[in-house]
């Protein structure tokens, strides 16, 4: 009983400590062979820049389809297209912004 209460408290406190990206993206993607950084590189190759990439990810998460995924057909055939997101637009955009800021290479090269 005490153990389950402790676990519940840890999980609930973790929800408040994490940002939208960590709460909603990281957990599911840990199970996939391609890291979120590798997926970022793939999206960047397809969409070329911040505005297009963010719009492409947002559109894919709202209307997932094999036809519009930036991932390879083999990846989608093996792991399937993602289910439609249940995030509201504000939290989805926040998660995408954090994702962009975490992995962008612009202004990080010296």
PDB file of N, CA and C in Angstrom:
ATOM      1  N   UNK A   1       0.824  -1.194   0.000  1.00  0.00           N
ATOM      2  CA  UNK A   1       0.000   0.000   0.000  1.00  0.00           C
ATOM      3  C   UNK A   1       0.870   1.260   0.000  1.00  0.00           C
ATOM      4  N   UNK A   2       1.819   1.324   0.908  1.00  0.00           N
ATOM      5  CA  UNK A   2       2.714   2.484   1.003  1.00  0.00           C
ATOM      6  C   UNK A   2       3.546   2.598  -0.273  1.00  0.00           C
ATOM      7  N   UNK A   3       3.971   1.452  -0.801  1.00  0.00           N
ATOM      8  CA  UNK A   3       4.771   1.457  -2.029  1.00  0.00           C
ATOM      9  C   UNK A   3       3.976   2.038  -3.192  1.00  0.00           C
ATOM     10  N   UNK A   4       2.700   1.669  -3.334  1.00  0.00           N
ATOM     11  CA  UNK A   4       1.887   2.182  -4.441  1.00  0.00           C
ATOM     12  C   UNK A   4       1.624   3.678  -4.290  1.00  0.00           C
ATOM     13  N   UNK A   5       1.458   4.145  -3.061  1.00  0.00           N
ATOM     14  CA  UNK A   5       1.275   5.582  -2.839  1.00  0.00           C
ATOM     15  C   UNK A   5       2.554   6.325  -3.216  1.00  0.00           C
ATOM     16  N   UNK A   6       3.697   5.786  -2.829  1.00  0.00           N
ATOM     17  CA  UNK A   6       4.989   6.401  -3.144  1.00  0.00           C
ATOM     18  C   UNK A   6       5.190   6.488  -4.660  1.00  0.00           C
ATOM     19  N   UNK A   7       4.895   5.404  -5.357  1.00  0.00           N
ATOM     20  CA  UNK A   7       5.035   5.382  -6.818  1.00  0.00           C
ATOM     21  C   UNK A   7       4.104   6.408  -7.449  1.00  0.00           C
ATOM     22  N   UNK A   8       2.879   6.493  -6.960  1.00  0.00           N
ATOM     23  CA  UNK A   8       1.919   7.474  -7.482  1.00  0.00           C
ATOM     24  C   UNK A   8       2.423   8.898  -7.297  1.00  0.00           C
ATOM     25  N   UNK A   9       2.964   9.181  -6.123  1.00  0.00           N
ATOM     26  CA  UNK A   9       3.492  10.522  -5.855  1.00  0.00           C
ATOM     27  C   UNK A   9       4.664  10.859  -6.774  1.00  0.00           C
ATOM     28  N   UNK A  10       5.534   9.904  -6.991  1.00  0.00           N
ATOM     29  CA  UNK A  10       6.679  10.126  -7.875  1.00  0.00           C
ATOM     30  C   UNK A  10       6.199  10.397  -9.297  1.00  0.00           C
ATOM     31  N   UNK A  11       5.239   9.609  -9.775  1.00  0.00           N
ATOM     32  CA  UNK A  11       4.733   9.805 -11.139  1.00  0.00           C
ATOM     33  C   UNK A  11       4.022  11.140 -11.287  1.00  0.00           C
ATOM     34  N   UNK A  12       3.196  11.505 -10.334  1.00  0.00           N
ATOM     35  CA  UNK A  12       2.481  12.781 -10.395  1.00  0.00           C
ATOM     36  C   UNK A  12       3.459  13.943 -10.324  1.00  0.00           C
ATOM     37  N   UNK A  13       4.441  13.881  -9.455  1.00  0.00           N
ATOM     38  CA  UNK A  13       5.407  14.973  -9.364  1.00  0.00           C
ATOM     39  C   UNK A  13       6.221  15.085 -10.647  1.00  0.00           C
ATOM     40  N   UNK A  14       6.471  13.960 -11.298  1.00  0.00           N
ATOM     41  CA  UNK A  14       7.188  13.974 -12.570  1.00  0.00           C
ATOM     42  C   UNK A  14       6.411  14.686 -13.656  1.00  0.00           C
ATOM     43  N   UNK A  15       5.095  14.569 -13.634  1.00  0.00           N
ATOM     44  CA  UNK A  15       4.272  15.257 -14.631  1.00  0.00           C
ATOM     45  C   UNK A  15       4.416  16.764 -14.526  1.00  0.00           C
ATOM     46  N   UNK A  16       4.515  17.271 -13.322  1.00  0.00           N
ATOM     47  CA  UNK A  16       4.616  18.708 -13.141  1.00  0.00           C
ATOM     48  C   UNK A  16       6.020  19.224 -13.394  1.00  0.00           C
ATOM     49  N   UNK A  17       7.011  18.361 -13.268  1.00  0.00           N
ATOM     50  CA  UNK A  17       8.394  18.777 -13.441  1.00  0.00           C
ATOM     51  C   UNK A  17       8.831  18.779 -14.898  1.00  0.00           C
ATOM     52  N   UNK A  18       8.146  18.038 -15.747  1.00  0.00           N
ATOM     53  CA  UNK A  18       8.562  17.897 -17.133  1.00  0.00           C
ATOM     54  C   UNK A  18       7.838  18.900 -18.026  1.00  0.00           C
ATOM     55  N   UNK A  19       8.454  19.172 -19.162  1.00  0.00           N
ATOM     56  CA  UNK A  19       7.814  20.051 -20.125  1.00  0.00           C
ATOM     57  C   UNK A  19       6.934  19.229 -21.081  1.00  0.00           C
ATOM     58  N   UNK A  20       6.238  19.909 -21.968  1.00  0.00           N
ATOM     59  CA  UNK A  20       5.295  19.246 -22.879  1.00  0.00           C
ATOM     60  C   UNK A  20       5.979  18.205 -23.758  1.00  0.00           C
ATOM     61  N   UNK A  21       7.185  18.471 -24.184  1.00  0.00           N
ATOM     62  CA  UNK A  21       7.937  17.534 -25.023  1.00  0.00           C
ATOM     63  C   UNK A  21       8.248  16.250 -24.253  1.00  0.00           C
ATOM     64  N   UNK A  22       8.768  16.381 -23.048  1.00  0.00           N
ATOM     65  CA  UNK A  22       9.122  15.201 -22.261  1.00  0.00           C
ATOM     66  C   UNK A  22       7.885  14.425 -21.818  1.00  0.00           C
ATOM     67  N   UNK A  23       6.830  15.116 -21.463  1.00  0.00           N
ATOM     68  CA  UNK A  23       5.598  14.445 -21.031  1.00  0.00           C
ATOM     69  C   UNK A  23       4.946  13.669 -22.163  1.00  0.00           C
ATOM     70  N   UNK A  24       4.986  14.212 -23.355  1.00  0.00           N
ATOM     71  CA  UNK A  24       4.170  13.666 -24.432  1.00  0.00           C
ATOM     72  C   UNK A  24       4.920  12.961 -25.550  1.00  0.00           C
ATOM     73  N   UNK A  25       6.215  13.104 -25.627  1.00  0.00           N
ATOM     74  CA  UNK A  25       6.952  12.550 -26.766  1.00  0.00           C
ATOM     75  C   UNK A  25       7.985  11.499 -26.365  1.00  0.00           C
ATOM     76  N   UNK A  26       8.791  11.818 -25.391  1.00  0.00           N
ATOM     77  CA  UNK A  26       9.962  11.011 -25.068  1.00  0.00           C
ATOM     78  C   UNK A  26       9.608   9.574 -24.708  1.00  0.00           C
ATOM     79  N   UNK A  27       8.624   9.375 -23.856  1.00  0.00           N
ATOM     80  CA  UNK A  27       8.288   8.036 -23.387  1.00  0.00           C
ATOM     81  C   UNK A  27       7.992   7.052 -24.497  1.00  0.00           C
ATOM     82  N   UNK A  28       7.138   7.424 -25.417  1.00  0.00           N
ATOM     83  CA  UNK A  28       6.765   6.522 -26.517  1.00  0.00           C
ATOM     84  C   UNK A  28       7.933   6.287 -27.471  1.00  0.00           C
ATOM     85  N   UNK A  29       8.704   7.307 -27.714  1.00  0.00           N
ATOM     86  CA  UNK A  29       9.797   7.189 -28.670  1.00  0.00           C
ATOM     87  C   UNK A  29      10.976   6.387 -28.136  1.00  0.00           C
ATOM     88  N   UNK A  30      11.046   6.177 -26.839  1.00  0.00           N
ATOM     89  CA  UNK A  30      12.127   5.364 -26.273  1.00  0.00           C
ATOM     90  C   UNK A  30      12.030   3.918 -26.743  1.00  0.00           C
ATOM     91  N   UNK A  31      10.855   3.494 -27.141  1.00  0.00           N
ATOM     92  CA  UNK A  31      10.644   2.115 -27.581  1.00  0.00           C
ATOM     93  C   UNK A  31      11.052   1.897 -29.043  1.00  0.00           C
ATOM     94  N   UNK A  32      11.312   2.967 -29.769  1.00  0.00           N
ATOM     95  CA  UNK A  32      11.620   2.870 -31.199  1.00  0.00           C
ATOM     96  C   UNK A  32      13.131   2.820 -31.430  1.00  0.00           C
ATOM     97  N   UNK A  33      13.564   2.175 -32.513  1.00  0.00           N
ATOM     98  CA  UNK A  33      15.000   2.099 -32.783  1.00  0.00           C
ATOM     99  C   UNK A  33      15.601   3.428 -33.236  1.00  0.00           C
ATOM    100  N   UNK A  34      14.804   4.292 -33.839  1.00  0.00           N
ATOM    101  CA  UNK A  34      15.290   5.605 -34.271  1.00  0.00           C
ATOM    102  C   UNK A  34      15.060   6.601 -33.138  1.00  0.00           C
ATOM    103  N   UNK A  35      16.104   7.296 -32.740  1.00  0.00           N
ATOM    104  CA  UNK A  35      15.973   8.281 -31.668  1.00  0.00           C
ATOM    105  C   UNK A  35      15.232   9.512 -32.174  1.00  0.00           C
ATOM    106  N   UNK A  36      14.778  10.323 -31.247  1.00  0.00           N
ATOM    107  CA  UNK A  36      14.136  11.576 -31.631  1.00  0.00           C
ATOM    108  C   UNK A  36      15.108  12.489 -32.367  1.00  0.00           C
ATOM    109  N   UNK A  37      16.393  12.414 -32.034  1.00  0.00           N
ATOM    110  CA  UNK A  37      17.388  13.213 -32.748  1.00  0.00           C
ATOM    111  C   UNK A  37      17.525  12.723 -34.192  1.00  0.00           C
ATOM    112  N   UNK A  38      17.542  11.411 -34.396  1.00  0.00           N
ATOM    113  CA  UNK A  38      17.614  10.868 -35.759  1.00  0.00           C
ATOM    114  C   UNK A  38      16.369  11.252 -36.560  1.00  0.00           C
ATOM    115  N   UNK A  39      15.210  11.215 -35.915  1.00  0.00           N
ATOM    116  CA  UNK A  39      13.981  11.621 -36.596  1.00  0.00           C
ATOM    117  C   UNK A  39      14.024  13.104 -36.934  1.00  0.00           C
ATOM    118  N   UNK A  40      14.592  13.908 -36.041  1.00  0.00           N
ATOM    119  CA  UNK A  40      14.737  15.339 -36.295  1.00  0.00           C
ATOM    120  C   UNK A  40      15.548  15.563 -37.570  1.00  0.00           C
ATOM    121  N   UNK A  41      16.658  14.850 -37.684  1.00  0.00           N
ATOM    122  CA  UNK A  41      17.506  14.983 -38.878  1.00  0.00           C
ATOM    123  C   UNK A  41      16.726  14.615 -40.132  1.00  0.00           C
ATOM    124  N   UNK A  42      15.936  13.573 -40.043  1.00  0.00           N
ATOM    125  CA  UNK A  42      15.136  13.134 -41.186  1.00  0.00           C
ATOM    126  C   UNK A  42      14.116  14.205 -41.575  1.00  0.00           C
ATOM    127  N   UNK A  43      13.417  14.746 -40.567  1.00  0.00           N
ATOM    128  CA  UNK A  43      12.445  15.811 -40.835  1.00  0.00           C
ATOM    129  C   UNK A  43      13.129  17.043 -41.422  1.00  0.00           C
ATOM    130  N   UNK A  44      14.310  17.372 -40.920  1.00  0.00           N
ATOM    131  CA  UNK A  44      15.031  18.531 -41.424  1.00  0.00           C
ATOM    132  C   UNK A  44      15.433  18.339 -42.878  1.00  0.00           C
ATOM    133  N   UNK A  45      15.826  17.134 -43.247  1.00  0.00           N
ATOM    134  CA  UNK A  45      16.140  16.847 -44.656  1.00  0.00           C
ATOM    135  C   UNK A  45      14.917  17.015 -45.551  1.00  0.00           C
ATOM    136  N   UNK A  46      13.771  16.599 -45.057  1.00  0.00           N
ATOM    137  CA  UNK A  46      12.537  16.669 -45.848  1.00  0.00           C
ATOM    138  C   UNK A  46      11.998  18.093 -45.918  1.00  0.00           C
ATOM    139  N   UNK A  47      11.992  18.797 -44.788  1.00  0.00           N
ATOM    140  CA  UNK A  47      11.313  20.097 -44.708  1.00  0.00           C
ATOM    141  C   UNK A  47      12.235  21.307 -44.773  1.00  0.00           C
ATOM    142  N   UNK A  48      13.526  21.127 -44.640  1.00  0.00           N
ATOM    143  CA  UNK A  48      14.544  22.155 -44.863  1.00  0.00           C
ATOM    144  C   UNK A  48      14.683  23.259 -43.827  1.00  0.00           C
ATOM    145  N   UNK A  49      13.666  23.618 -43.128  1.00  0.00           N
ATOM    146  CA  UNK A  49      13.805  24.718 -42.181  1.00  0.00           C
ATOM    147  C   UNK A  49      12.762  24.681 -41.090  1.00  0.00           C
ATOM    148  N   UNK A  50      12.886  25.605 -40.163  1.00  0.00           N
ATOM    149  CA  UNK A  50      12.057  25.609 -38.959  1.00  0.00           C
ATOM    150  C   UNK A  50      10.561  25.705 -39.256  1.00  0.00           C
ATOM    151  N   UNK A  51      10.147  26.671 -40.024  1.00  0.00           N
ATOM    152  CA  UNK A  51       8.720  26.879 -40.258  1.00  0.00           C
ATOM    153  C   UNK A  51       8.083  25.672 -40.937  1.00  0.00           C
ATOM    154  N   UNK A  52       8.705  25.198 -42.007  1.00  0.00           N
ATOM    155  CA  UNK A  52       8.152  24.052 -42.735  1.00  0.00           C
ATOM    156  C   UNK A  52       8.189  22.782 -41.891  1.00  0.00           C
ATOM    157  N   UNK A  53       9.275  22.603 -41.148  1.00  0.00           N
ATOM    158  CA  UNK A  53       9.400  21.397 -40.339  1.00  0.00           C
ATOM    159  C   UNK A  53       8.345  21.365 -39.233  1.00  0.00           C
ATOM    160  N   UNK A  54       8.191  22.468 -38.525  1.00  0.00           N
ATOM    161  CA  UNK A  54       7.189  22.514 -37.459  1.00  0.00           C
ATOM    162  C   UNK A  54       5.786  22.288 -38.028  1.00  0.00           C
ATOM    163  N   UNK A  55       5.501  22.887 -39.174  1.00  0.00           N
ATOM    164  CA  UNK A  55       4.184  22.698 -39.800  1.00  0.00           C
ATOM    165  C   UNK A  55       4.001  21.250 -40.236  1.00  0.00           C
ATOM    166  N   UNK A  56       5.054  20.643 -40.770  1.00  0.00           N
ATOM    167  CA  UNK A  56       4.974  19.254 -41.208  1.00  0.00           C
ATOM    168  C   UNK A  56       4.748  18.292 -40.054  1.00  0.00           C
ATOM    169  N   UNK A  57       5.463  18.496 -38.957  1.00  0.00           N
ATOM    170  CA  UNK A  57       5.279  17.642 -37.786  1.00  0.00           C
ATOM    171  C   UNK A  57       3.877  17.824 -37.211  1.00  0.00           C
ATOM    172  N   UNK A  58       3.446  19.066 -37.098  1.00  0.00           N
ATOM    173  CA  UNK A  58       2.111  19.351 -36.555  1.00  0.00           C
ATOM    174  C   UNK A  58       1.040  18.684 -37.414  1.00  0.00           C
ATOM    175  N   UNK A  59       1.148  18.838 -38.724  1.00  0.00           N
ATOM    176  CA  UNK A  59       0.161  18.241 -39.628  1.00  0.00           C
ATOM    177  C   UNK A  59       0.173  16.716 -39.503  1.00  0.00           C
ATOM    178  N   UNK A  60       1.359  16.129 -39.446  1.00  0.00           N
ATOM    179  CA  UNK A  60       1.451  14.675 -39.329  1.00  0.00           C
ATOM    180  C   UNK A  60       0.823  14.179 -38.023  1.00  0.00           C
ATOM    181  N   UNK A  61       1.078  14.888 -36.925  1.00  0.00           N
ATOM    182  CA  UNK A  61       0.534  14.445 -35.636  1.00  0.00           C
ATOM    183  C   UNK A  61      -0.978  14.630 -35.553  1.00  0.00           C
ATOM    184  N   UNK A  62      -1.507  15.604 -36.276  1.00  0.00           N
ATOM    185  CA  UNK A  62      -2.953  15.796 -36.305  1.00  0.00           C
ATOM    186  C   UNK A  62      -3.640  14.853 -37.288  1.00  0.00           C
ATOM    187  N   UNK A  63      -2.952  14.529 -38.388  1.00  0.00           N
ATOM    188  CA  UNK A  63      -3.518  13.679 -39.446  1.00  0.00           C
ATOM    189  C   UNK A  63      -2.491  12.636 -39.884  1.00  0.00           C
ATOM    190  N   UNK A  64      -2.113  11.723 -38.995  1.00  0.00           N
ATOM    191  CA  UNK A  64      -1.045  10.773 -39.332  1.00  0.00           C
ATOM    192  C   UNK A  64      -1.409   9.871 -40.506  1.00  0.00           C
ATOM    193  N   UNK A  65      -0.438   9.698 -41.382  1.00  0.00           N
ATOM    194  CA  UNK A  65      -0.622   8.864 -42.559  1.00  0.00           C
ATOM    195  C   UNK A  65       0.749   8.436 -43.069  1.00  0.00           C
ATOM    196  N   UNK A  66       0.820   7.243 -43.563  1.00  0.00           N
ATOM    197  CA  UNK A  66       2.064   6.744 -44.146  1.00  0.00           C
ATOM    198  C   UNK A  66       2.506   7.648 -45.298  1.00  0.00           C
ATOM    199  N   UNK A  67       1.542   8.168 -46.034  1.00  0.00           N
ATOM    200  CA  UNK A  67       1.835   8.977 -47.217  1.00  0.00           C
ATOM    201  C   UNK A  67       2.537  10.293 -46.904  1.00  0.00           C
ATOM    202  N   UNK A  68       2.343  10.826 -45.711  1.00  0.00           N
ATOM    203  CA  UNK A  68       2.956  12.127 -45.394  1.00  0.00           C
ATOM    204  C   UNK A  68       4.055  12.026 -44.350  1.00  0.00           C
ATOM    205  N   UNK A  69       4.376  10.822 -43.920  1.00  0.00           N
ATOM    206  CA  UNK A  69       5.434  10.648 -42.925  1.00  0.00           C
ATOM    207  C   UNK A  69       6.800  10.926 -43.546  1.00  0.00           C
ATOM    208  N   UNK A  70       7.677  11.527 -42.770  1.00  0.00           N
ATOM    209  CA  UNK A  70       9.049  11.752 -43.223  1.00  0.00           C
ATOM    210  C   UNK A  70       9.904  10.506 -43.037  1.00  0.00           C
ATOM    211  N   UNK A  71       9.389   9.548 -42.293  1.00  0.00           N
ATOM    212  CA  UNK A  71      10.128   8.314 -42.045  1.00  0.00           C
ATOM    213  C   UNK A  71       9.992   7.384 -43.258  1.00  0.00           C
ATOM    214  N   UNK A  72      10.911   6.444 -43.368  1.00  0.00           N
ATOM    215  CA  UNK A  72      10.923   5.541 -44.518  1.00  0.00           C
ATOM    216  C   UNK A  72       9.706   4.614 -44.504  1.00  0.00           C
ATOM    217  N   UNK A  73       9.371   4.102 -45.666  1.00  0.00           N
ATOM    218  CA  UNK A  73       8.266   3.145 -45.765  1.00  0.00           C
ATOM    219  C   UNK A  73       8.527   1.924 -44.895  1.00  0.00           C
ATOM    220  N   UNK A  74       9.777   1.468 -44.860  1.00  0.00           N
ATOM    221  CA  UNK A  74      10.124   0.308 -44.039  1.00  0.00           C
ATOM    222  C   UNK A  74       9.862   0.594 -42.559  1.00  0.00           C
ATOM    223  N   UNK A  75      10.242   1.786 -42.102  1.00  0.00           N
ATOM    224  CA  UNK A  75      10.007   2.158 -40.712  1.00  0.00           C
ATOM    225  C   UNK A  75       8.508   2.173 -40.414  1.00  0.00           C
ATOM    226  N   UNK A  76       7.728   2.800 -41.273  1.00  0.00           N
ATOM    227  CA  UNK A  76       6.282   2.893 -41.062  1.00  0.00           C
ATOM    228  C   UNK A  76       5.635   1.508 -41.159  1.00  0.00           C
ATOM    229  N   UNK A  77       6.086   0.687 -42.113  1.00  0.00           N
ATOM    230  CA  UNK A  77       5.527  -0.669 -42.229  1.00  0.00           C
ATOM    231  C   UNK A  77       5.835  -1.501 -40.983  1.00  0.00           C
ATOM    232  N   UNK A  78       7.000  -1.286 -40.404  1.00  0.00           N
ATOM    233  CA  UNK A  78       7.395  -2.045 -39.219  1.00  0.00           C
ATOM    234  C   UNK A  78       6.728  -1.533 -37.950  1.00  0.00           C
ATOM    235  N   UNK A  79       6.677  -0.221 -37.786  1.00  0.00           N
ATOM    236  CA  UNK A  79       6.189   0.357 -36.528  1.00  0.00           C
ATOM    237  C   UNK A  79       4.843   1.061 -36.669  1.00  0.00           C
ATOM    238  N   UNK A  80       4.334   1.179 -37.851  1.00  0.00           N
ATOM    239  CA  UNK A  80       3.061   1.815 -38.203  1.00  0.00           C
ATOM    240  C   UNK A  80       3.109   3.330 -38.036  1.00  0.00           C
ATOM    241  N   UNK A  81       2.150   3.981 -38.644  1.00  0.00           N
ATOM    242  CA  UNK A  81       2.023   5.432 -38.493  1.00  0.00           C
ATOM    243  C   UNK A  81       1.517   5.704 -37.078  1.00  0.00           C
ATOM    244  N   UNK A  82       1.878   6.831 -36.566  1.00  0.00           N
ATOM    245  CA  UNK A  82       1.452   7.200 -35.220  1.00  0.00           C
ATOM    246  C   UNK A  82      -0.058   7.387 -35.187  1.00  0.00           C
ATOM    247  N   UNK A  83      -0.630   7.139 -34.020  1.00  0.00           N
ATOM    248  CA  UNK A  83      -2.041   7.453 -33.810  1.00  0.00           C
ATOM    249  C   UNK A  83      -2.198   8.970 -33.764  1.00  0.00           C
ATOM    250  N   UNK A  84      -3.364   9.455 -34.128  1.00  0.00           N
ATOM    251  CA  UNK A  84      -3.633  10.888 -34.059  1.00  0.00           C
ATOM    252  C   UNK A  84      -3.410  11.375 -32.628  1.00  0.00           C
ATOM    253  N   UNK A  85      -2.763  12.522 -32.501  1.00  0.00           N
ATOM    254  CA  UNK A  85      -2.473  13.060 -31.180  1.00  0.00           C
ATOM    255  C   UNK A  85      -3.746  13.437 -30.439  1.00  0.00           C
ATOM    256  N   UNK A  86      -3.698  13.338 -29.133  1.00  0.00           N
ATOM    257  CA  UNK A  86      -4.817  13.795 -28.313  1.00  0.00           C
ATOM    258  C   UNK A  86      -4.469  15.094 -27.592  1.00  0.00           C
ATOM    259  N   UNK A  87      -3.343  15.690 -27.952  1.00  0.00           N
ATOM    260  CA  UNK A  87      -2.925  16.962 -27.353  1.00  0.00           C
ATOM    261  C   UNK A  87      -3.741  18.107 -27.929  1.00  0.00           C
ATOM    262  N   UNK A  88      -3.991  19.119 -27.109  1.00  0.00           N
ATOM    263  CA  UNK A  88      -4.612  20.314 -27.672  1.00  0.00           C
ATOM    264  C   UNK A  88      -3.541  21.070 -28.461  1.00  0.00           C
ATOM    265  N   UNK A  89      -3.966  21.968 -29.305  1.00  0.00           N
ATOM    266  CA  UNK A  89      -3.053  22.674 -30.224  1.00  0.00           C
ATOM    267  C   UNK A  89      -1.947  23.403 -29.461  1.00  0.00           C
ATOM    268  N   UNK A  90      -2.282  24.042 -28.353  1.00  0.00           N
ATOM    269  CA  UNK A  90      -1.275  24.800 -27.592  1.00  0.00           C
ATOM    270  C   UNK A  90      -0.169  23.876 -27.076  1.00  0.00           C
ATOM    271  N   UNK A  91      -0.551  22.736 -26.476  1.00  0.00           N
ATOM    272  CA  UNK A  91       0.457  21.833 -25.944  1.00  0.00           C
ATOM    273  C   UNK A  91       1.241  21.158 -27.066  1.00  0.00           C
ATOM    274  N   UNK A  92       0.573  20.851 -28.178  1.00  0.00           N
ATOM    275  CA  UNK A  92       1.255  20.276 -29.333  1.00  0.00           C
ATOM    276  C   UNK A  92       2.309  21.244 -29.865  1.00  0.00           C
ATOM    277  N   UNK A  93       1.941  22.494 -30.040  1.00  0.00           N
ATOM    278  CA  UNK A  93       2.893  23.490 -30.535  1.00  0.00           C
ATOM    279  C   UNK A  93       4.039  23.709 -29.551  1.00  0.00           C
ATOM    280  N   UNK A  94       3.737  23.680 -28.259  1.00  0.00           N
ATOM    281  CA  UNK A  94       4.791  23.821 -27.246  1.00  0.00           C
ATOM    282  C   UNK A  94       5.780  22.655 -27.345  1.00  0.00           C
ATOM    283  N   UNK A  95       5.274  21.439 -27.479  1.00  0.00           N
ATOM    284  CA  UNK A  95       6.141  20.258 -27.590  1.00  0.00           C
ATOM    285  C   UNK A  95       7.003  20.344 -28.848  1.00  0.00           C
ATOM    286  N   UNK A  96       6.422  20.775 -29.953  1.00  0.00           N
ATOM    287  CA  UNK A  96       7.174  20.902 -31.209  1.00  0.00           C
ATOM    288  C   UNK A  96       8.242  21.989 -31.090  1.00  0.00           C
ATOM    289  N   UNK A  97       7.909  23.105 -30.454  1.00  0.00           N
ATOM    290  CA  UNK A  97       8.897  24.177 -30.250  1.00  0.00           C
ATOM    291  C   UNK A  97      10.072  23.690 -29.393  1.00  0.00           C
ATOM    292  N   UNK A  98       9.778  22.960 -28.342  1.00  0.00           N
ATOM    293  CA  UNK A  98      10.837  22.431 -27.478  1.00  0.00           C
ATOM    294  C   UNK A  98      11.690  21.437 -28.263  1.00  0.00           C
ATOM    295  N   UNK A  99      11.044  20.587 -29.049  1.00  0.00           N
ATOM    296  CA  UNK A  99      11.744  19.611 -29.891  1.00  0.00           C
ATOM    297  C   UNK A  99      12.700  20.330 -30.840  1.00  0.00           C
ATOM    298  N   UNK A 100      12.212  21.373 -31.485  1.00  0.00           N
ATOM    299  CA  UNK A 100      13.057  22.153 -32.399  1.00  0.00           C
ATOM    300  C   UNK A 100      14.254  22.745 -31.654  1.00  0.00           C
ATOM    301  N   UNK A 101      13.994  23.389 -30.535  1.00  0.00           N
ATOM    302  CA  UNK A 101      15.068  24.033 -29.780  1.00  0.00           C
ATOM    303  C   UNK A 101      16.098  23.028 -29.254  1.00  0.00           C
ATOM    304  N   UNK A 102      15.655  21.845 -28.921  1.00  0.00           N
ATOM    305  CA  UNK A 102      16.549  20.831 -28.366  1.00  0.00           C
ATOM    306  C   UNK A 102      17.531  20.296 -29.410  1.00  0.00           C
ATOM    307  N   UNK A 103      17.088  20.117 -30.650  1.00  0.00           N
ATOM    308  CA  UNK A 103      17.919  19.447 -31.644  1.00  0.00           C
ATOM    309  C   UNK A 103      18.395  20.321 -32.801  1.00  0.00           C
ATOM    310  N   UNK A 104      17.964  21.566 -32.879  1.00  0.00           N
ATOM    311  CA  UNK A 104      18.421  22.411 -33.996  1.00  0.00           C
ATOM    312  C   UNK A 104      19.933  22.555 -33.947  1.00  0.00           C
ATOM    313  N   UNK A 105      20.532  22.623 -35.101  1.00  0.00           N
ATOM    314  CA  UNK A 105      21.993  22.760 -35.153  1.00  0.00           C
ATOM    315  C   UNK A 105      22.403  24.194 -35.458  1.00  0.00           C
ATOM    316  N   UNK A 106      21.476  25.001 -35.905  1.00  0.00           N
ATOM    317  CA  UNK A 106      21.784  26.385 -36.242  1.00  0.00           C
ATOM    318  C   UNK A 106      22.248  27.119 -34.987  1.00  0.00           C
ATOM    319  N   UNK A 107      23.242  27.920 -35.128  1.00  0.00           N
ATOM    320  CA  UNK A 107      23.841  28.706 -34.042  1.00  0.00           C
ATOM    321  C   UNK A 107      24.526  27.842 -32.982  1.00  0.00           C
ATOM    322  N   UNK A 108      24.670  26.566 -33.221  1.00  0.00           N
ATOM    323  CA  UNK A 108      25.388  25.695 -32.298  1.00  0.00           C
ATOM    324  C   UNK A 108      26.747  25.298 -32.855  1.00  0.00           C
ATOM    325  N   UNK A 109      26.932  25.488 -34.145  1.00  0.00           N
ATOM    326  CA  UNK A 109      28.201  25.154 -34.782  1.00  0.00           C
ATOM    327  C   UNK A 109      29.157  26.326 -34.633  1.00  0.00           C
ATOM    328  N   UNK A 110      30.393  26.037 -34.324  1.00  0.00           N
ATOM    329  CA  UNK A 110      31.373  27.118 -34.141  1.00  0.00           C
ATOM    330  C   UNK A 110      32.578  26.875 -34.978  1.00  0.00           C
TER     331      UNK A 110
END
